[in-house]
Amino acid sequence: MSDKDELFGNLPVQLSPVSISQTGLGPVWTQHKAQLIAKYIYLFTIITKHGCYIDGFAGPKKQDLSNSWAAQLVVETEPRRLREIFLCDLKQDKADKLRALVDQQPDKDKRHYEVLQGDFNQKVDAVLSSGLIKEKTATFCLLDQYTLECHWTTLQRLANFKPEGARKIELFYFLATGWLHRSLTGHKVNLDRPDLWWGGEGWKKLVSLSGEKIAVRMAERFRDELGYRYVKPYPIHERDKGEGRVMFHMIHASDHPEAHKLMARAHRNVTKAPEAEEQLVMELSRIDP
């Protein structure tokens, strides 16, 4: 096994977390958020040659918008190096679309595909207890919630699943900063729901903060409470090319010192043709495990 194969497999040295900043981050175009995830996982699996993908809110968000369904883009990314794929959605019609997506795959008998219908906050334990996520399995979890659907305890279970010293399950967490204030203060708000989302009543302090400060505050919790060393909030703008207001943030959390560089590379290249695999291997093989 080569050094590059072990890039994400070796156990990390326990280091102090780095600071959280949005400095230097460019805009992520709304219609390209799915491509960003797919591009990052493509880069990641060029090195690891394997991986497990978990999508907790996996149904298509906008069926009339081409290339906007992350689950489809990730599942169909070539080369097909992901070995385990878990797709979950609460709604029956979306779960049916996920099953149809799996049925269309030519390798459905070679990779482990599993579609779960129900609340991911409850189904996450079935994923984690499957026996398929090992200590050294490179694992990603996309949490593309609408607003307050993902409970804090779910994040804790994901972050704490692997033993101490192993790299945590990597998270892509979408935070609806553009309409979060309305969701937290609207007259129809269910007070139990923000408490579950935030993990207590601390969310009440968010209503006086800007969307950017809320994103940084959440990222700080990923670092300080969930124990991720590298956390970055990426702004998602209303329109192309960074125009319009920020609608939400994608918080990327990882333990690997090179993960944020891969994400930056994915961000830069999200609208470009895929780079040659040989060039990627040559460049990324120079990264120290």
C-alpha atoms as a PDB file:
ATOM      1  CA  MET A   1       0.000   0.000   0.000  1.00  0.00           C
ATOM      2  CA  SER A   2       1.486   3.372  -1.029  1.00  0.00           C
ATOM      3  CA  ASP A   3       1.834   6.462   1.132  1.00  0.00           C
ATOM      4  CA  LYS A   4      -0.899   8.258  -0.753  1.00  0.00           C
ATOM      5  CA  ASP A   5      -3.291   5.394  -0.142  1.00  0.00           C
ATOM      6  CA  GLU A   6      -2.733   5.925   3.570  1.00  0.00           C
ATOM      7  CA  LEU A   7      -3.222   9.708   3.465  1.00  0.00           C
ATOM      8  CA  PHE A   8      -6.534   9.587   5.257  1.00  0.00           C
ATOM      9  CA  GLY A   9      -6.063   6.158   6.779  1.00  0.00           C
ATOM     10  CA  ASN A  10      -3.284   6.834   9.282  1.00  0.00           C
ATOM     11  CA  LEU A  11      -4.253   7.939  12.752  1.00  0.00           C
ATOM     12  CA  PRO A  12      -3.584  11.650  13.292  1.00  0.00           C
ATOM     13  CA  VAL A  13      -1.371  13.268  15.853  1.00  0.00           C
ATOM     14  CA  GLN A  14      -3.581  15.014  18.396  1.00  0.00           C
ATOM     15  CA  LEU A  15      -3.048  18.755  17.862  1.00  0.00           C
ATOM     16  CA  SER A  16      -4.769  21.872  19.092  1.00  0.00           C
ATOM     17  CA  PRO A  17      -7.553  23.254  16.871  1.00  0.00           C
ATOM     18  CA  VAL A  18      -6.844  26.076  14.457  1.00  0.00           C
ATOM     19  CA  SER A  19      -8.693  29.375  14.404  1.00  0.00           C
ATOM     20  CA  ILE A  20     -11.952  29.880  12.519  1.00  0.00           C
ATOM     21  CA  SER A  21     -11.983  32.532   9.814  1.00  0.00           C
ATOM     22  CA  GLN A  22     -13.769  33.311   6.556  1.00  0.00           C
ATOM     23  CA  THR A  23     -10.872  35.373   5.219  1.00  0.00           C
ATOM     24  CA  GLY A  24     -10.133  34.650   1.573  1.00  0.00           C
ATOM     25  CA  LEU A  25     -13.264  32.616   0.916  1.00  0.00           C
ATOM     26  CA  GLY A  26     -14.966  33.384  -2.352  1.00  0.00           C
ATOM     27  CA  PRO A  27     -18.670  32.899  -2.990  1.00  0.00           C
ATOM     28  CA  VAL A  28     -20.142  29.487  -3.690  1.00  0.00           C
ATOM     29  CA  TRP A  29     -22.833  29.773  -6.360  1.00  0.00           C
ATOM     30  CA  THR A  30     -26.222  28.540  -5.243  1.00  0.00           C
ATOM     31  CA  GLN A  31     -26.780  26.204  -8.163  1.00  0.00           C
ATOM     32  CA  HIS A  32     -23.315  24.743  -7.723  1.00  0.00           C
ATOM     33  CA  LYS A  33     -23.482  23.621  -4.074  1.00  0.00           C
ATOM     34  CA  ALA A  34     -24.054  20.012  -5.114  1.00  0.00           C
ATOM     35  CA  GLN A  35     -21.147  20.175  -7.548  1.00  0.00           C
ATOM     36  CA  LEU A  36     -18.951  21.511  -4.744  1.00  0.00           C
ATOM     37  CA  ILE A  37     -19.657  18.453  -2.593  1.00  0.00           C
ATOM     38  CA  ALA A  38     -19.188  16.069  -5.513  1.00  0.00           C
ATOM     39  CA  LYS A  39     -15.946  17.746  -6.569  1.00  0.00           C
ATOM     40  CA  TYR A  40     -14.523  17.593  -3.060  1.00  0.00           C
ATOM     41  CA  ILE A  41     -15.359  13.915  -2.666  1.00  0.00           C
ATOM     42  CA  TYR A  42     -13.825  13.256  -6.089  1.00  0.00           C
ATOM     43  CA  LEU A  43     -10.577  14.873  -4.928  1.00  0.00           C
ATOM     44  CA  PHE A  44     -10.718  13.046  -1.607  1.00  0.00           C
ATOM     45  CA  THR A  45     -11.196   9.604  -3.127  1.00  0.00           C
ATOM     46  CA  ILE A  46      -8.422  10.136  -5.676  1.00  0.00           C
ATOM     47  CA  ILE A  47      -6.132   9.762  -2.686  1.00  0.00           C
ATOM     48  CA  THR A  48      -7.981   7.298  -0.455  1.00  0.00           C
ATOM     49  CA  LYS A  49      -9.337   5.095  -3.250  1.00  0.00           C
ATOM     50  CA  HIS A  50     -12.282   4.315  -0.989  1.00  0.00           C
ATOM     51  CA  GLY A  51     -14.862   6.052   1.150  1.00  0.00           C
ATOM     52  CA  CYS A  52     -18.259   5.986   2.807  1.00  0.00           C
ATOM     53  CA  TYR A  53     -20.889   8.609   1.974  1.00  0.00           C
ATOM     54  CA  ILE A  54     -23.817   9.442   4.268  1.00  0.00           C
ATOM     55  CA  ASP A  55     -26.526  11.863   3.122  1.00  0.00           C
ATOM     56  CA  GLY A  56     -29.022  12.608   5.869  1.00  0.00           C
ATOM     57  CA  PHE A  57     -31.449  14.739   3.854  1.00  0.00           C
ATOM     58  CA  ALA A  58     -30.760  13.198   0.494  1.00  0.00           C
ATOM     59  CA  GLY A  59     -33.909  13.778  -1.561  1.00  0.00           C
ATOM     60  CA  PRO A  60     -33.706  16.268  -4.439  1.00  0.00           C
ATOM     61  CA  LYS A  61     -34.339  19.865  -3.366  1.00  0.00           C
ATOM     62  CA  LYS A  62     -35.156  21.320  -6.798  1.00  0.00           C
ATOM     63  CA  GLN A  63     -35.934  18.787  -9.454  1.00  0.00           C
ATOM     64  CA  ASP A  64     -36.178  21.398 -12.202  1.00  0.00           C
ATOM     65  CA  LEU A  65     -32.610  22.623 -11.606  1.00  0.00           C
ATOM     66  CA  SER A  66     -30.076  20.561 -13.499  1.00  0.00           C
ATOM     67  CA  ASN A  67     -27.080  19.166 -11.609  1.00  0.00           C
ATOM     68  CA  SER A  68     -28.401  20.341  -8.234  1.00  0.00           C
ATOM     69  CA  TRP A  69     -28.992  16.931  -6.628  1.00  0.00           C
ATOM     70  CA  ALA A  70     -25.937  16.150  -4.510  1.00  0.00           C
ATOM     71  CA  ALA A  71     -26.824  12.492  -3.970  1.00  0.00           C
ATOM     72  CA  GLN A  72     -26.993  11.848  -7.699  1.00  0.00           C
ATOM     73  CA  LEU A  73     -23.756  13.693  -8.459  1.00  0.00           C
ATOM     74  CA  VAL A  74     -21.858  11.933  -5.681  1.00  0.00           C
ATOM     75  CA  VAL A  75     -23.206   8.469  -6.514  1.00  0.00           C
ATOM     76  CA  GLU A  76     -22.362   8.896 -10.195  1.00  0.00           C
ATOM     77  CA  THR A  77     -18.926  10.478  -9.722  1.00  0.00           C
ATOM     78  CA  GLU A  78     -16.245   8.656 -11.708  1.00  0.00           C
ATOM     79  CA  PRO A  79     -14.154   6.777 -10.843  1.00  0.00           C
ATOM     80  CA  ARG A  80     -16.601   5.066  -8.483  1.00  0.00           C
ATOM     81  CA  ARG A  81     -14.402   4.680  -5.440  1.00  0.00           C
ATOM     82  CA  LEU A  82     -17.023   5.126  -2.743  1.00  0.00           C
ATOM     83  CA  ARG A  83     -17.765   1.691  -1.304  1.00  0.00           C
ATOM     84  CA  GLU A  84     -20.623   2.391   1.105  1.00  0.00           C
ATOM     85  CA  ILE A  85     -23.474   4.827   0.413  1.00  0.00           C
ATOM     86  CA  PHE A  86     -26.298   5.615   2.849  1.00  0.00           C
ATOM     87  CA  LEU A  87     -29.131   7.854   1.622  1.00  0.00           C
ATOM     88  CA  CYS A  88     -31.900   9.021   3.951  1.00  0.00           C
ATOM     89  CA  ASP A  89     -34.983  11.190   3.596  1.00  0.00           C
ATOM     90  CA  LEU A  90     -38.091  11.702   5.667  1.00  0.00           C
ATOM     91  CA  LYS A  91     -40.616  11.852   2.837  1.00  0.00           C
ATOM     92  CA  GLN A  92     -41.912   8.806   0.997  1.00  0.00           C
ATOM     93  CA  ASP A  93     -41.758  10.375  -2.480  1.00  0.00           C
ATOM     94  CA  LYS A  94     -38.158  11.445  -2.011  1.00  0.00           C
ATOM     95  CA  ALA A  95     -37.165   8.063  -0.618  1.00  0.00           C
ATOM     96  CA  ASP A  96     -38.756   6.526  -3.735  1.00  0.00           C
ATOM     97  CA  LYS A  97     -36.592   8.786  -5.903  1.00  0.00           C
ATOM     98  CA  LEU A  98     -33.533   7.683  -3.986  1.00  0.00           C
ATOM     99  CA  ARG A  99     -34.419   4.035  -4.565  1.00  0.00           C
ATOM    100  CA  ALA A 100     -34.925   4.768  -8.256  1.00  0.00           C
ATOM    101  CA  LEU A 101     -31.507   6.433  -8.344  1.00  0.00           C
ATOM    102  CA  VAL A 102     -29.892   3.350  -6.806  1.00  0.00           C
ATOM    103  CA  ASP A 103     -31.749   1.022  -9.177  1.00  0.00           C
ATOM    104  CA  GLN A 104     -30.258   2.921 -12.127  1.00  0.00           C
ATOM    105  CA  GLN A 105     -26.681   2.341 -11.002  1.00  0.00           C
ATOM    106  CA  PRO A 106     -24.683  -0.268 -12.938  1.00  0.00           C
ATOM    107  CA  ASP A 107     -22.718  -1.200  -9.812  1.00  0.00           C
ATOM    108  CA  LYS A 108     -25.617  -1.623  -7.398  1.00  0.00           C
ATOM    109  CA  ASP A 109     -24.522  -5.204  -6.761  1.00  0.00           C
ATOM    110  CA  LYS A 110     -20.890  -4.204  -6.138  1.00  0.00           C
ATOM    111  CA  ARG A 111     -21.214  -1.234  -3.794  1.00  0.00           C
ATOM    112  CA  HIS A 112     -23.253  -1.113  -0.614  1.00  0.00           C
ATOM    113  CA  TYR A 113     -26.257   1.128  -1.234  1.00  0.00           C
ATOM    114  CA  GLU A 114     -28.817   1.666   1.500  1.00  0.00           C
ATOM    115  CA  VAL A 115     -31.870   3.916   1.347  1.00  0.00           C
ATOM    116  CA  LEU A 116     -33.507   4.769   4.655  1.00  0.00           C
ATOM    117  CA  GLN A 117     -36.866   6.466   4.877  1.00  0.00           C
ATOM    118  CA  GLY A 118     -37.478   8.421   8.051  1.00  0.00           C
ATOM    119  CA  ASP A 119     -36.075  11.118  10.301  1.00  0.00           C
ATOM    120  CA  PHE A 120     -32.279  11.073   9.998  1.00  0.00           C
ATOM    121  CA  ASN A 121     -32.015  12.033  13.652  1.00  0.00           C
ATOM    122  CA  GLN A 122     -33.429   8.588  14.370  1.00  0.00           C
ATOM    123  CA  LYS A 123     -31.955   6.696  11.406  1.00  0.00           C
ATOM    124  CA  VAL A 124     -28.382   7.836  12.050  1.00  0.00           C
ATOM    125  CA  ASP A 125     -27.935   5.086  14.630  1.00  0.00           C
ATOM    126  CA  ALA A 126     -28.825   2.443  12.032  1.00  0.00           C
ATOM    127  CA  VAL A 127     -26.104   3.835   9.764  1.00  0.00           C
ATOM    128  CA  LEU A 128     -23.495   3.977  12.507  1.00  0.00           C
ATOM    129  CA  SER A 129     -24.327   0.486  13.793  1.00  0.00           C
ATOM    130  CA  SER A 130     -24.169  -1.076  10.315  1.00  0.00           C
ATOM    131  CA  GLY A 131     -20.638  -2.304  10.919  1.00  0.00           C
ATOM    132  CA  LEU A 132     -19.485  -0.789   7.622  1.00  0.00           C
ATOM    133  CA  ILE A 133     -17.816   2.334   9.019  1.00  0.00           C
ATOM    134  CA  LYS A 134     -14.479   1.209  10.408  1.00  0.00           C
ATOM    135  CA  GLU A 135     -11.904   3.203  12.346  1.00  0.00           C
ATOM    136  CA  LYS A 136      -9.928   3.980   9.183  1.00  0.00           C
ATOM    137  CA  THR A 137     -12.861   4.301   6.782  1.00  0.00           C
ATOM    138  CA  ALA A 138     -12.781   7.734   5.153  1.00  0.00           C
ATOM    139  CA  THR A 139     -16.322   8.893   5.838  1.00  0.00           C
ATOM    140  CA  PHE A 140     -18.304  11.952   4.736  1.00  0.00           C
ATOM    141  CA  CYS A 141     -21.713  13.076   5.926  1.00  0.00           C
ATOM    142  CA  LEU A 142     -23.763  15.681   4.061  1.00  0.00           C
ATOM    143  CA  LEU A 143     -26.438  17.426   6.158  1.00  0.00           C
ATOM    144  CA  ASP A 144     -28.358  19.562   3.668  1.00  0.00           C
ATOM    145  CA  GLN A 145     -31.213  20.543   5.964  1.00  0.00           C
ATOM    146  CA  TYR A 146     -33.789  23.214   5.119  1.00  0.00           C
ATOM    147  CA  THR A 147     -33.555  25.068   8.439  1.00  0.00           C
ATOM    148  CA  LEU A 148     -33.748  23.343  11.845  1.00  0.00           C
ATOM    149  CA  GLU A 149     -34.141  19.672  10.981  1.00  0.00           C
ATOM    150  CA  CYS A 150     -30.744  18.358  12.108  1.00  0.00           C
ATOM    151  CA  HIS A 151     -30.563  17.923  15.890  1.00  0.00           C
ATOM    152  CA  TRP A 152     -27.415  18.763  17.826  1.00  0.00           C
ATOM    153  CA  THR A 153     -27.407  15.273  19.333  1.00  0.00           C
ATOM    154  CA  THR A 154     -27.171  13.873  15.793  1.00  0.00           C
ATOM    155  CA  LEU A 155     -24.023  15.887  15.199  1.00  0.00           C
ATOM    156  CA  GLN A 156     -22.640  14.621  18.493  1.00  0.00           C
ATOM    157  CA  ARG A 157     -23.255  11.000  17.521  1.00  0.00           C
ATOM    158  CA  LEU A 158     -21.551  11.496  14.173  1.00  0.00           C
ATOM    159  CA  ALA A 159     -18.592  13.406  15.611  1.00  0.00           C
ATOM    160  CA  ASN A 160     -18.036  10.996  18.486  1.00  0.00           C
ATOM    161  CA  PHE A 161     -18.616   7.745  16.622  1.00  0.00           C
ATOM    162  CA  LYS A 162     -15.005   6.843  15.929  1.00  0.00           C
ATOM    163  CA  PRO A 163     -12.604   6.090  18.797  1.00  0.00           C
ATOM    164  CA  GLU A 164     -10.347   8.764  20.213  1.00  0.00           C
ATOM    165  CA  GLY A 165      -7.331   9.279  17.973  1.00  0.00           C
ATOM    166  CA  ALA A 166      -9.132   8.281  14.783  1.00  0.00           C
ATOM    167  CA  ARG A 167     -10.232  10.859  12.253  1.00  0.00           C
ATOM    168  CA  LYS A 168     -13.824  11.843  12.760  1.00  0.00           C
ATOM    169  CA  ILE A 169     -16.604  11.510  10.220  1.00  0.00           C
ATOM    170  CA  GLU A 170     -16.225  14.555   7.993  1.00  0.00           C
ATOM    171  CA  LEU A 171     -19.223  16.897   7.960  1.00  0.00           C
ATOM    172  CA  PHE A 172     -20.768  19.166   5.340  1.00  0.00           C
ATOM    173  CA  TYR A 173     -23.429  21.052   7.286  1.00  0.00           C
ATOM    174  CA  PHE A 174     -25.776  23.540   5.619  1.00  0.00           C
ATOM    175  CA  LEU A 175     -26.885  26.399   7.880  1.00  0.00           C
ATOM    176  CA  ALA A 176     -29.811  28.507   6.629  1.00  0.00           C
ATOM    177  CA  THR A 177     -28.460  31.865   7.762  1.00  0.00           C
ATOM    178  CA  GLY A 178     -30.548  33.740   5.179  1.00  0.00           C
ATOM    179  CA  TRP A 179     -33.875  32.883   6.803  1.00  0.00           C
ATOM    180  CA  LEU A 180     -32.778  31.551  10.185  1.00  0.00           C
ATOM    181  CA  HIS A 181     -33.923  34.640  12.097  1.00  0.00           C
ATOM    182  CA  ARG A 182     -37.442  34.275  10.709  1.00  0.00           C
ATOM    183  CA  SER A 183     -37.482  30.596  11.600  1.00  0.00           C
ATOM    184  CA  LEU A 184     -36.395  31.305  15.176  1.00  0.00           C
ATOM    185  CA  THR A 185     -38.693  34.253  15.843  1.00  0.00           C
ATOM    186  CA  GLY A 186     -41.761  33.591  13.672  1.00  0.00           C
ATOM    187  CA  HIS A 187     -45.130  33.281  15.358  1.00  0.00           C
ATOM    188  CA  LYS A 188     -45.449  29.689  14.144  1.00  0.00           C
ATOM    189  CA  VAL A 189     -42.138  28.567  15.610  1.00  0.00           C
ATOM    190  CA  ASN A 190     -42.246  25.326  17.571  1.00  0.00           C
ATOM    191  CA  LEU A 191     -40.031  26.056  20.564  1.00  0.00           C
ATOM    192  CA  ASP A 192     -39.081  22.401  20.937  1.00  0.00           C
ATOM    193  CA  ARG A 193     -37.577  22.391  17.465  1.00  0.00           C
ATOM    194  CA  PRO A 194     -34.904  25.125  17.977  1.00  0.00           C
ATOM    195  CA  ASP A 195     -33.967  23.516  21.289  1.00  0.00           C
ATOM    196  CA  LEU A 196     -33.351  20.188  19.559  1.00  0.00           C
ATOM    197  CA  TRP A 197     -31.516  21.868  16.694  1.00  0.00           C
ATOM    198  CA  TRP A 198     -29.205  23.888  18.940  1.00  0.00           C
ATOM    199  CA  GLY A 199     -29.056  21.437  21.808  1.00  0.00           C
ATOM    200  CA  GLY A 200     -30.592  23.745  24.379  1.00  0.00           C
ATOM    201  CA  GLU A 201     -31.877  27.289  24.703  1.00  0.00           C
ATOM    202  CA  GLY A 202     -28.664  28.943  23.559  1.00  0.00           C
ATOM    203  CA  TRP A 203     -30.246  29.619  20.172  1.00  0.00           C
ATOM    204  CA  LYS A 204     -32.101  32.558  21.728  1.00  0.00           C
ATOM    205  CA  LYS A 205     -28.836  34.513  21.703  1.00  0.00           C
ATOM    206  CA  LEU A 206     -28.571  34.120  17.933  1.00  0.00           C
ATOM    207  CA  VAL A 207     -31.466  36.410  17.057  1.00  0.00           C
ATOM    208  CA  SER A 208     -29.350  39.504  17.707  1.00  0.00           C
ATOM    209  CA  LEU A 209     -26.449  38.308  15.539  1.00  0.00           C
ATOM    210  CA  SER A 210     -25.855  38.699  11.822  1.00  0.00           C
ATOM    211  CA  GLY A 211     -25.998  35.636   9.591  1.00  0.00           C
ATOM    212  CA  GLU A 212     -22.218  35.620   9.231  1.00  0.00           C
ATOM    213  CA  LYS A 213     -21.697  35.769  12.993  1.00  0.00           C
ATOM    214  CA  ILE A 214     -24.182  32.929  13.469  1.00  0.00           C
ATOM    215  CA  ALA A 215     -22.187  30.847  10.982  1.00  0.00           C
ATOM    216  CA  VAL A 216     -18.952  31.569  12.830  1.00  0.00           C
ATOM    217  CA  ARG A 217     -20.622  30.784  16.174  1.00  0.00           C
ATOM    218  CA  MET A 218     -21.834  27.439  14.847  1.00  0.00           C
ATOM    219  CA  ALA A 219     -18.406  26.704  13.405  1.00  0.00           C
ATOM    220  CA  GLU A 220     -16.882  27.447  16.806  1.00  0.00           C
ATOM    221  CA  ARG A 221     -19.188  24.861  18.349  1.00  0.00           C
ATOM    222  CA  PHE A 222     -18.045  22.294  15.780  1.00  0.00           C
ATOM    223  CA  ARG A 223     -14.475  23.032  16.832  1.00  0.00           C
ATOM    224  CA  ASP A 224     -14.864  23.449  20.584  1.00  0.00           C
ATOM    225  CA  GLU A 225     -17.717  21.070  21.425  1.00  0.00           C
ATOM    226  CA  LEU A 226     -17.561  18.449  18.676  1.00  0.00           C
ATOM    227  CA  GLY A 227     -13.757  18.430  18.597  1.00  0.00           C
ATOM    228  CA  TYR A 228     -13.058  19.073  14.917  1.00  0.00           C
ATOM    229  CA  ARG A 229      -9.697  20.676  14.290  1.00  0.00           C
ATOM    230  CA  TYR A 230     -10.445  22.282  10.918  1.00  0.00           C
ATOM    231  CA  VAL A 231     -13.739  24.101  10.443  1.00  0.00           C
ATOM    232  CA  LYS A 232     -14.645  26.644   7.750  1.00  0.00           C
ATOM    233  CA  PRO A 233     -18.011  28.322   6.994  1.00  0.00           C
ATOM    234  CA  TYR A 234     -18.476  28.861   3.244  1.00  0.00           C
ATOM    235  CA  PRO A 235     -21.112  31.492   2.240  1.00  0.00           C
ATOM    236  CA  ILE A 236     -23.745  30.479  -0.312  1.00  0.00           C
ATOM    237  CA  HIS A 237     -25.054  33.507  -2.213  1.00  0.00           C
ATOM    238  CA  GLU A 238     -28.491  34.148  -3.622  1.00  0.00           C
ATOM    239  CA  ARG A 239     -27.352  34.506  -7.225  1.00  0.00           C
ATOM    240  CA  ASP A 240     -24.468  33.569  -9.492  1.00  0.00           C
ATOM    241  CA  LYS A 241     -20.959  34.938  -9.045  1.00  0.00           C
ATOM    242  CA  GLY A 242     -21.453  35.910  -5.439  1.00  0.00           C
ATOM    243  CA  GLU A 243     -24.213  38.410  -6.121  1.00  0.00           C
ATOM    244  CA  GLY A 244     -27.154  39.004  -3.807  1.00  0.00           C
ATOM    245  CA  ARG A 245     -27.393  38.269  -0.115  1.00  0.00           C
ATOM    246  CA  VAL A 246     -25.975  35.195   1.584  1.00  0.00           C
ATOM    247  CA  MET A 247     -28.755  32.647   1.857  1.00  0.00           C
ATOM    248  CA  PHE A 248     -26.915  30.011   3.884  1.00  0.00           C
ATOM    249  CA  HIS A 249     -23.477  28.740   4.833  1.00  0.00           C
ATOM    250  CA  MET A 250     -21.883  25.361   4.251  1.00  0.00           C
ATOM    251  CA  ILE A 251     -19.818  24.502   7.333  1.00  0.00           C
ATOM    252  CA  HIS A 252     -17.061  22.046   6.497  1.00  0.00           C
ATOM    253  CA  ALA A 253     -15.588  20.179   9.473  1.00  0.00           C
ATOM    254  CA  SER A 254     -12.663  17.766   9.285  1.00  0.00           C
ATOM    255  CA  ASP A 255      -9.727  16.477  11.324  1.00  0.00           C
ATOM    256  CA  HIS A 256      -7.289  16.182   8.444  1.00  0.00           C
ATOM    257  CA  PRO A 257      -4.786  19.046   7.971  1.00  0.00           C
ATOM    258  CA  GLU A 258      -5.129  18.931   4.181  1.00  0.00           C
ATOM    259  CA  ALA A 259      -8.928  18.713   4.009  1.00  0.00           C
ATOM    260  CA  HIS A 260      -9.468  22.468   3.915  1.00  0.00           C
ATOM    261  CA  LYS A 261      -6.984  22.704   1.033  1.00  0.00           C
ATOM    262  CA  LEU A 262      -8.952  20.099  -0.884  1.00  0.00           C
ATOM    263  CA  MET A 263     -12.146  22.024  -0.199  1.00  0.00           C
ATOM    264  CA  ALA A 264     -10.525  25.263  -1.390  1.00  0.00           C
ATOM    265  CA  ARG A 265      -9.421  23.452  -4.539  1.00  0.00           C
ATOM    266  CA  ALA A 266     -12.920  22.067  -5.065  1.00  0.00           C
ATOM    267  CA  HIS A 267     -14.306  25.564  -4.616  1.00  0.00           C
ATOM    268  CA  ARG A 268     -11.941  27.012  -7.207  1.00  0.00           C
ATOM    269  CA  ASN A 269     -12.686  24.312  -9.732  1.00  0.00           C
ATOM    270  CA  VAL A 270     -16.388  23.685  -9.179  1.00  0.00           C
ATOM    271  CA  THR A 271     -17.369  25.131 -12.551  1.00  0.00           C
ATOM    272  CA  LYS A 272     -14.434  23.717 -14.516  1.00  0.00           C
ATOM    273  CA  ALA A 273     -13.922  20.422 -16.313  1.00  0.00           C
ATOM    274  CA  PRO A 274     -12.473  17.615 -14.132  1.00  0.00           C
ATOM    275  CA  GLU A 275      -8.690  17.668 -13.937  1.00  0.00           C
ATOM    276  CA  ALA A 276      -6.701  14.696 -15.161  1.00  0.00           C
ATOM    277  CA  GLU A 277      -6.430  12.068 -12.455  1.00  0.00           C
ATOM    278  CA  GLU A 278      -2.732  11.588 -13.131  1.00  0.00           C
ATOM    279  CA  GLN A 279      -2.069  15.274 -12.398  1.00  0.00           C
ATOM    280  CA  LEU A 280      -4.098  15.127  -9.199  1.00  0.00           C
ATOM    281  CA  VAL A 281      -2.226  12.060  -7.964  1.00  0.00           C
ATOM    282  CA  MET A 282       1.082  13.728  -8.747  1.00  0.00           C
ATOM    283  CA  GLU A 283       0.184  16.892  -6.848  1.00  0.00           C
ATOM    284  CA  LEU A 284      -1.651  15.369  -3.912  1.00  0.00           C
ATOM    285  CA  SER A 285       0.897  12.603  -3.367  1.00  0.00           C
ATOM    286  CA  ARG A 286       3.271  15.301  -2.148  1.00  0.00           C
ATOM    287  CA  ILE A 287       1.007  15.901   0.861  1.00  0.00           C
ATOM    288  CA  ASP A 288       2.409  14.460   4.064  1.00  0.00           C
ATOM    289  CA  PRO A 289       0.071  11.870   5.690  1.00  0.00           C
END
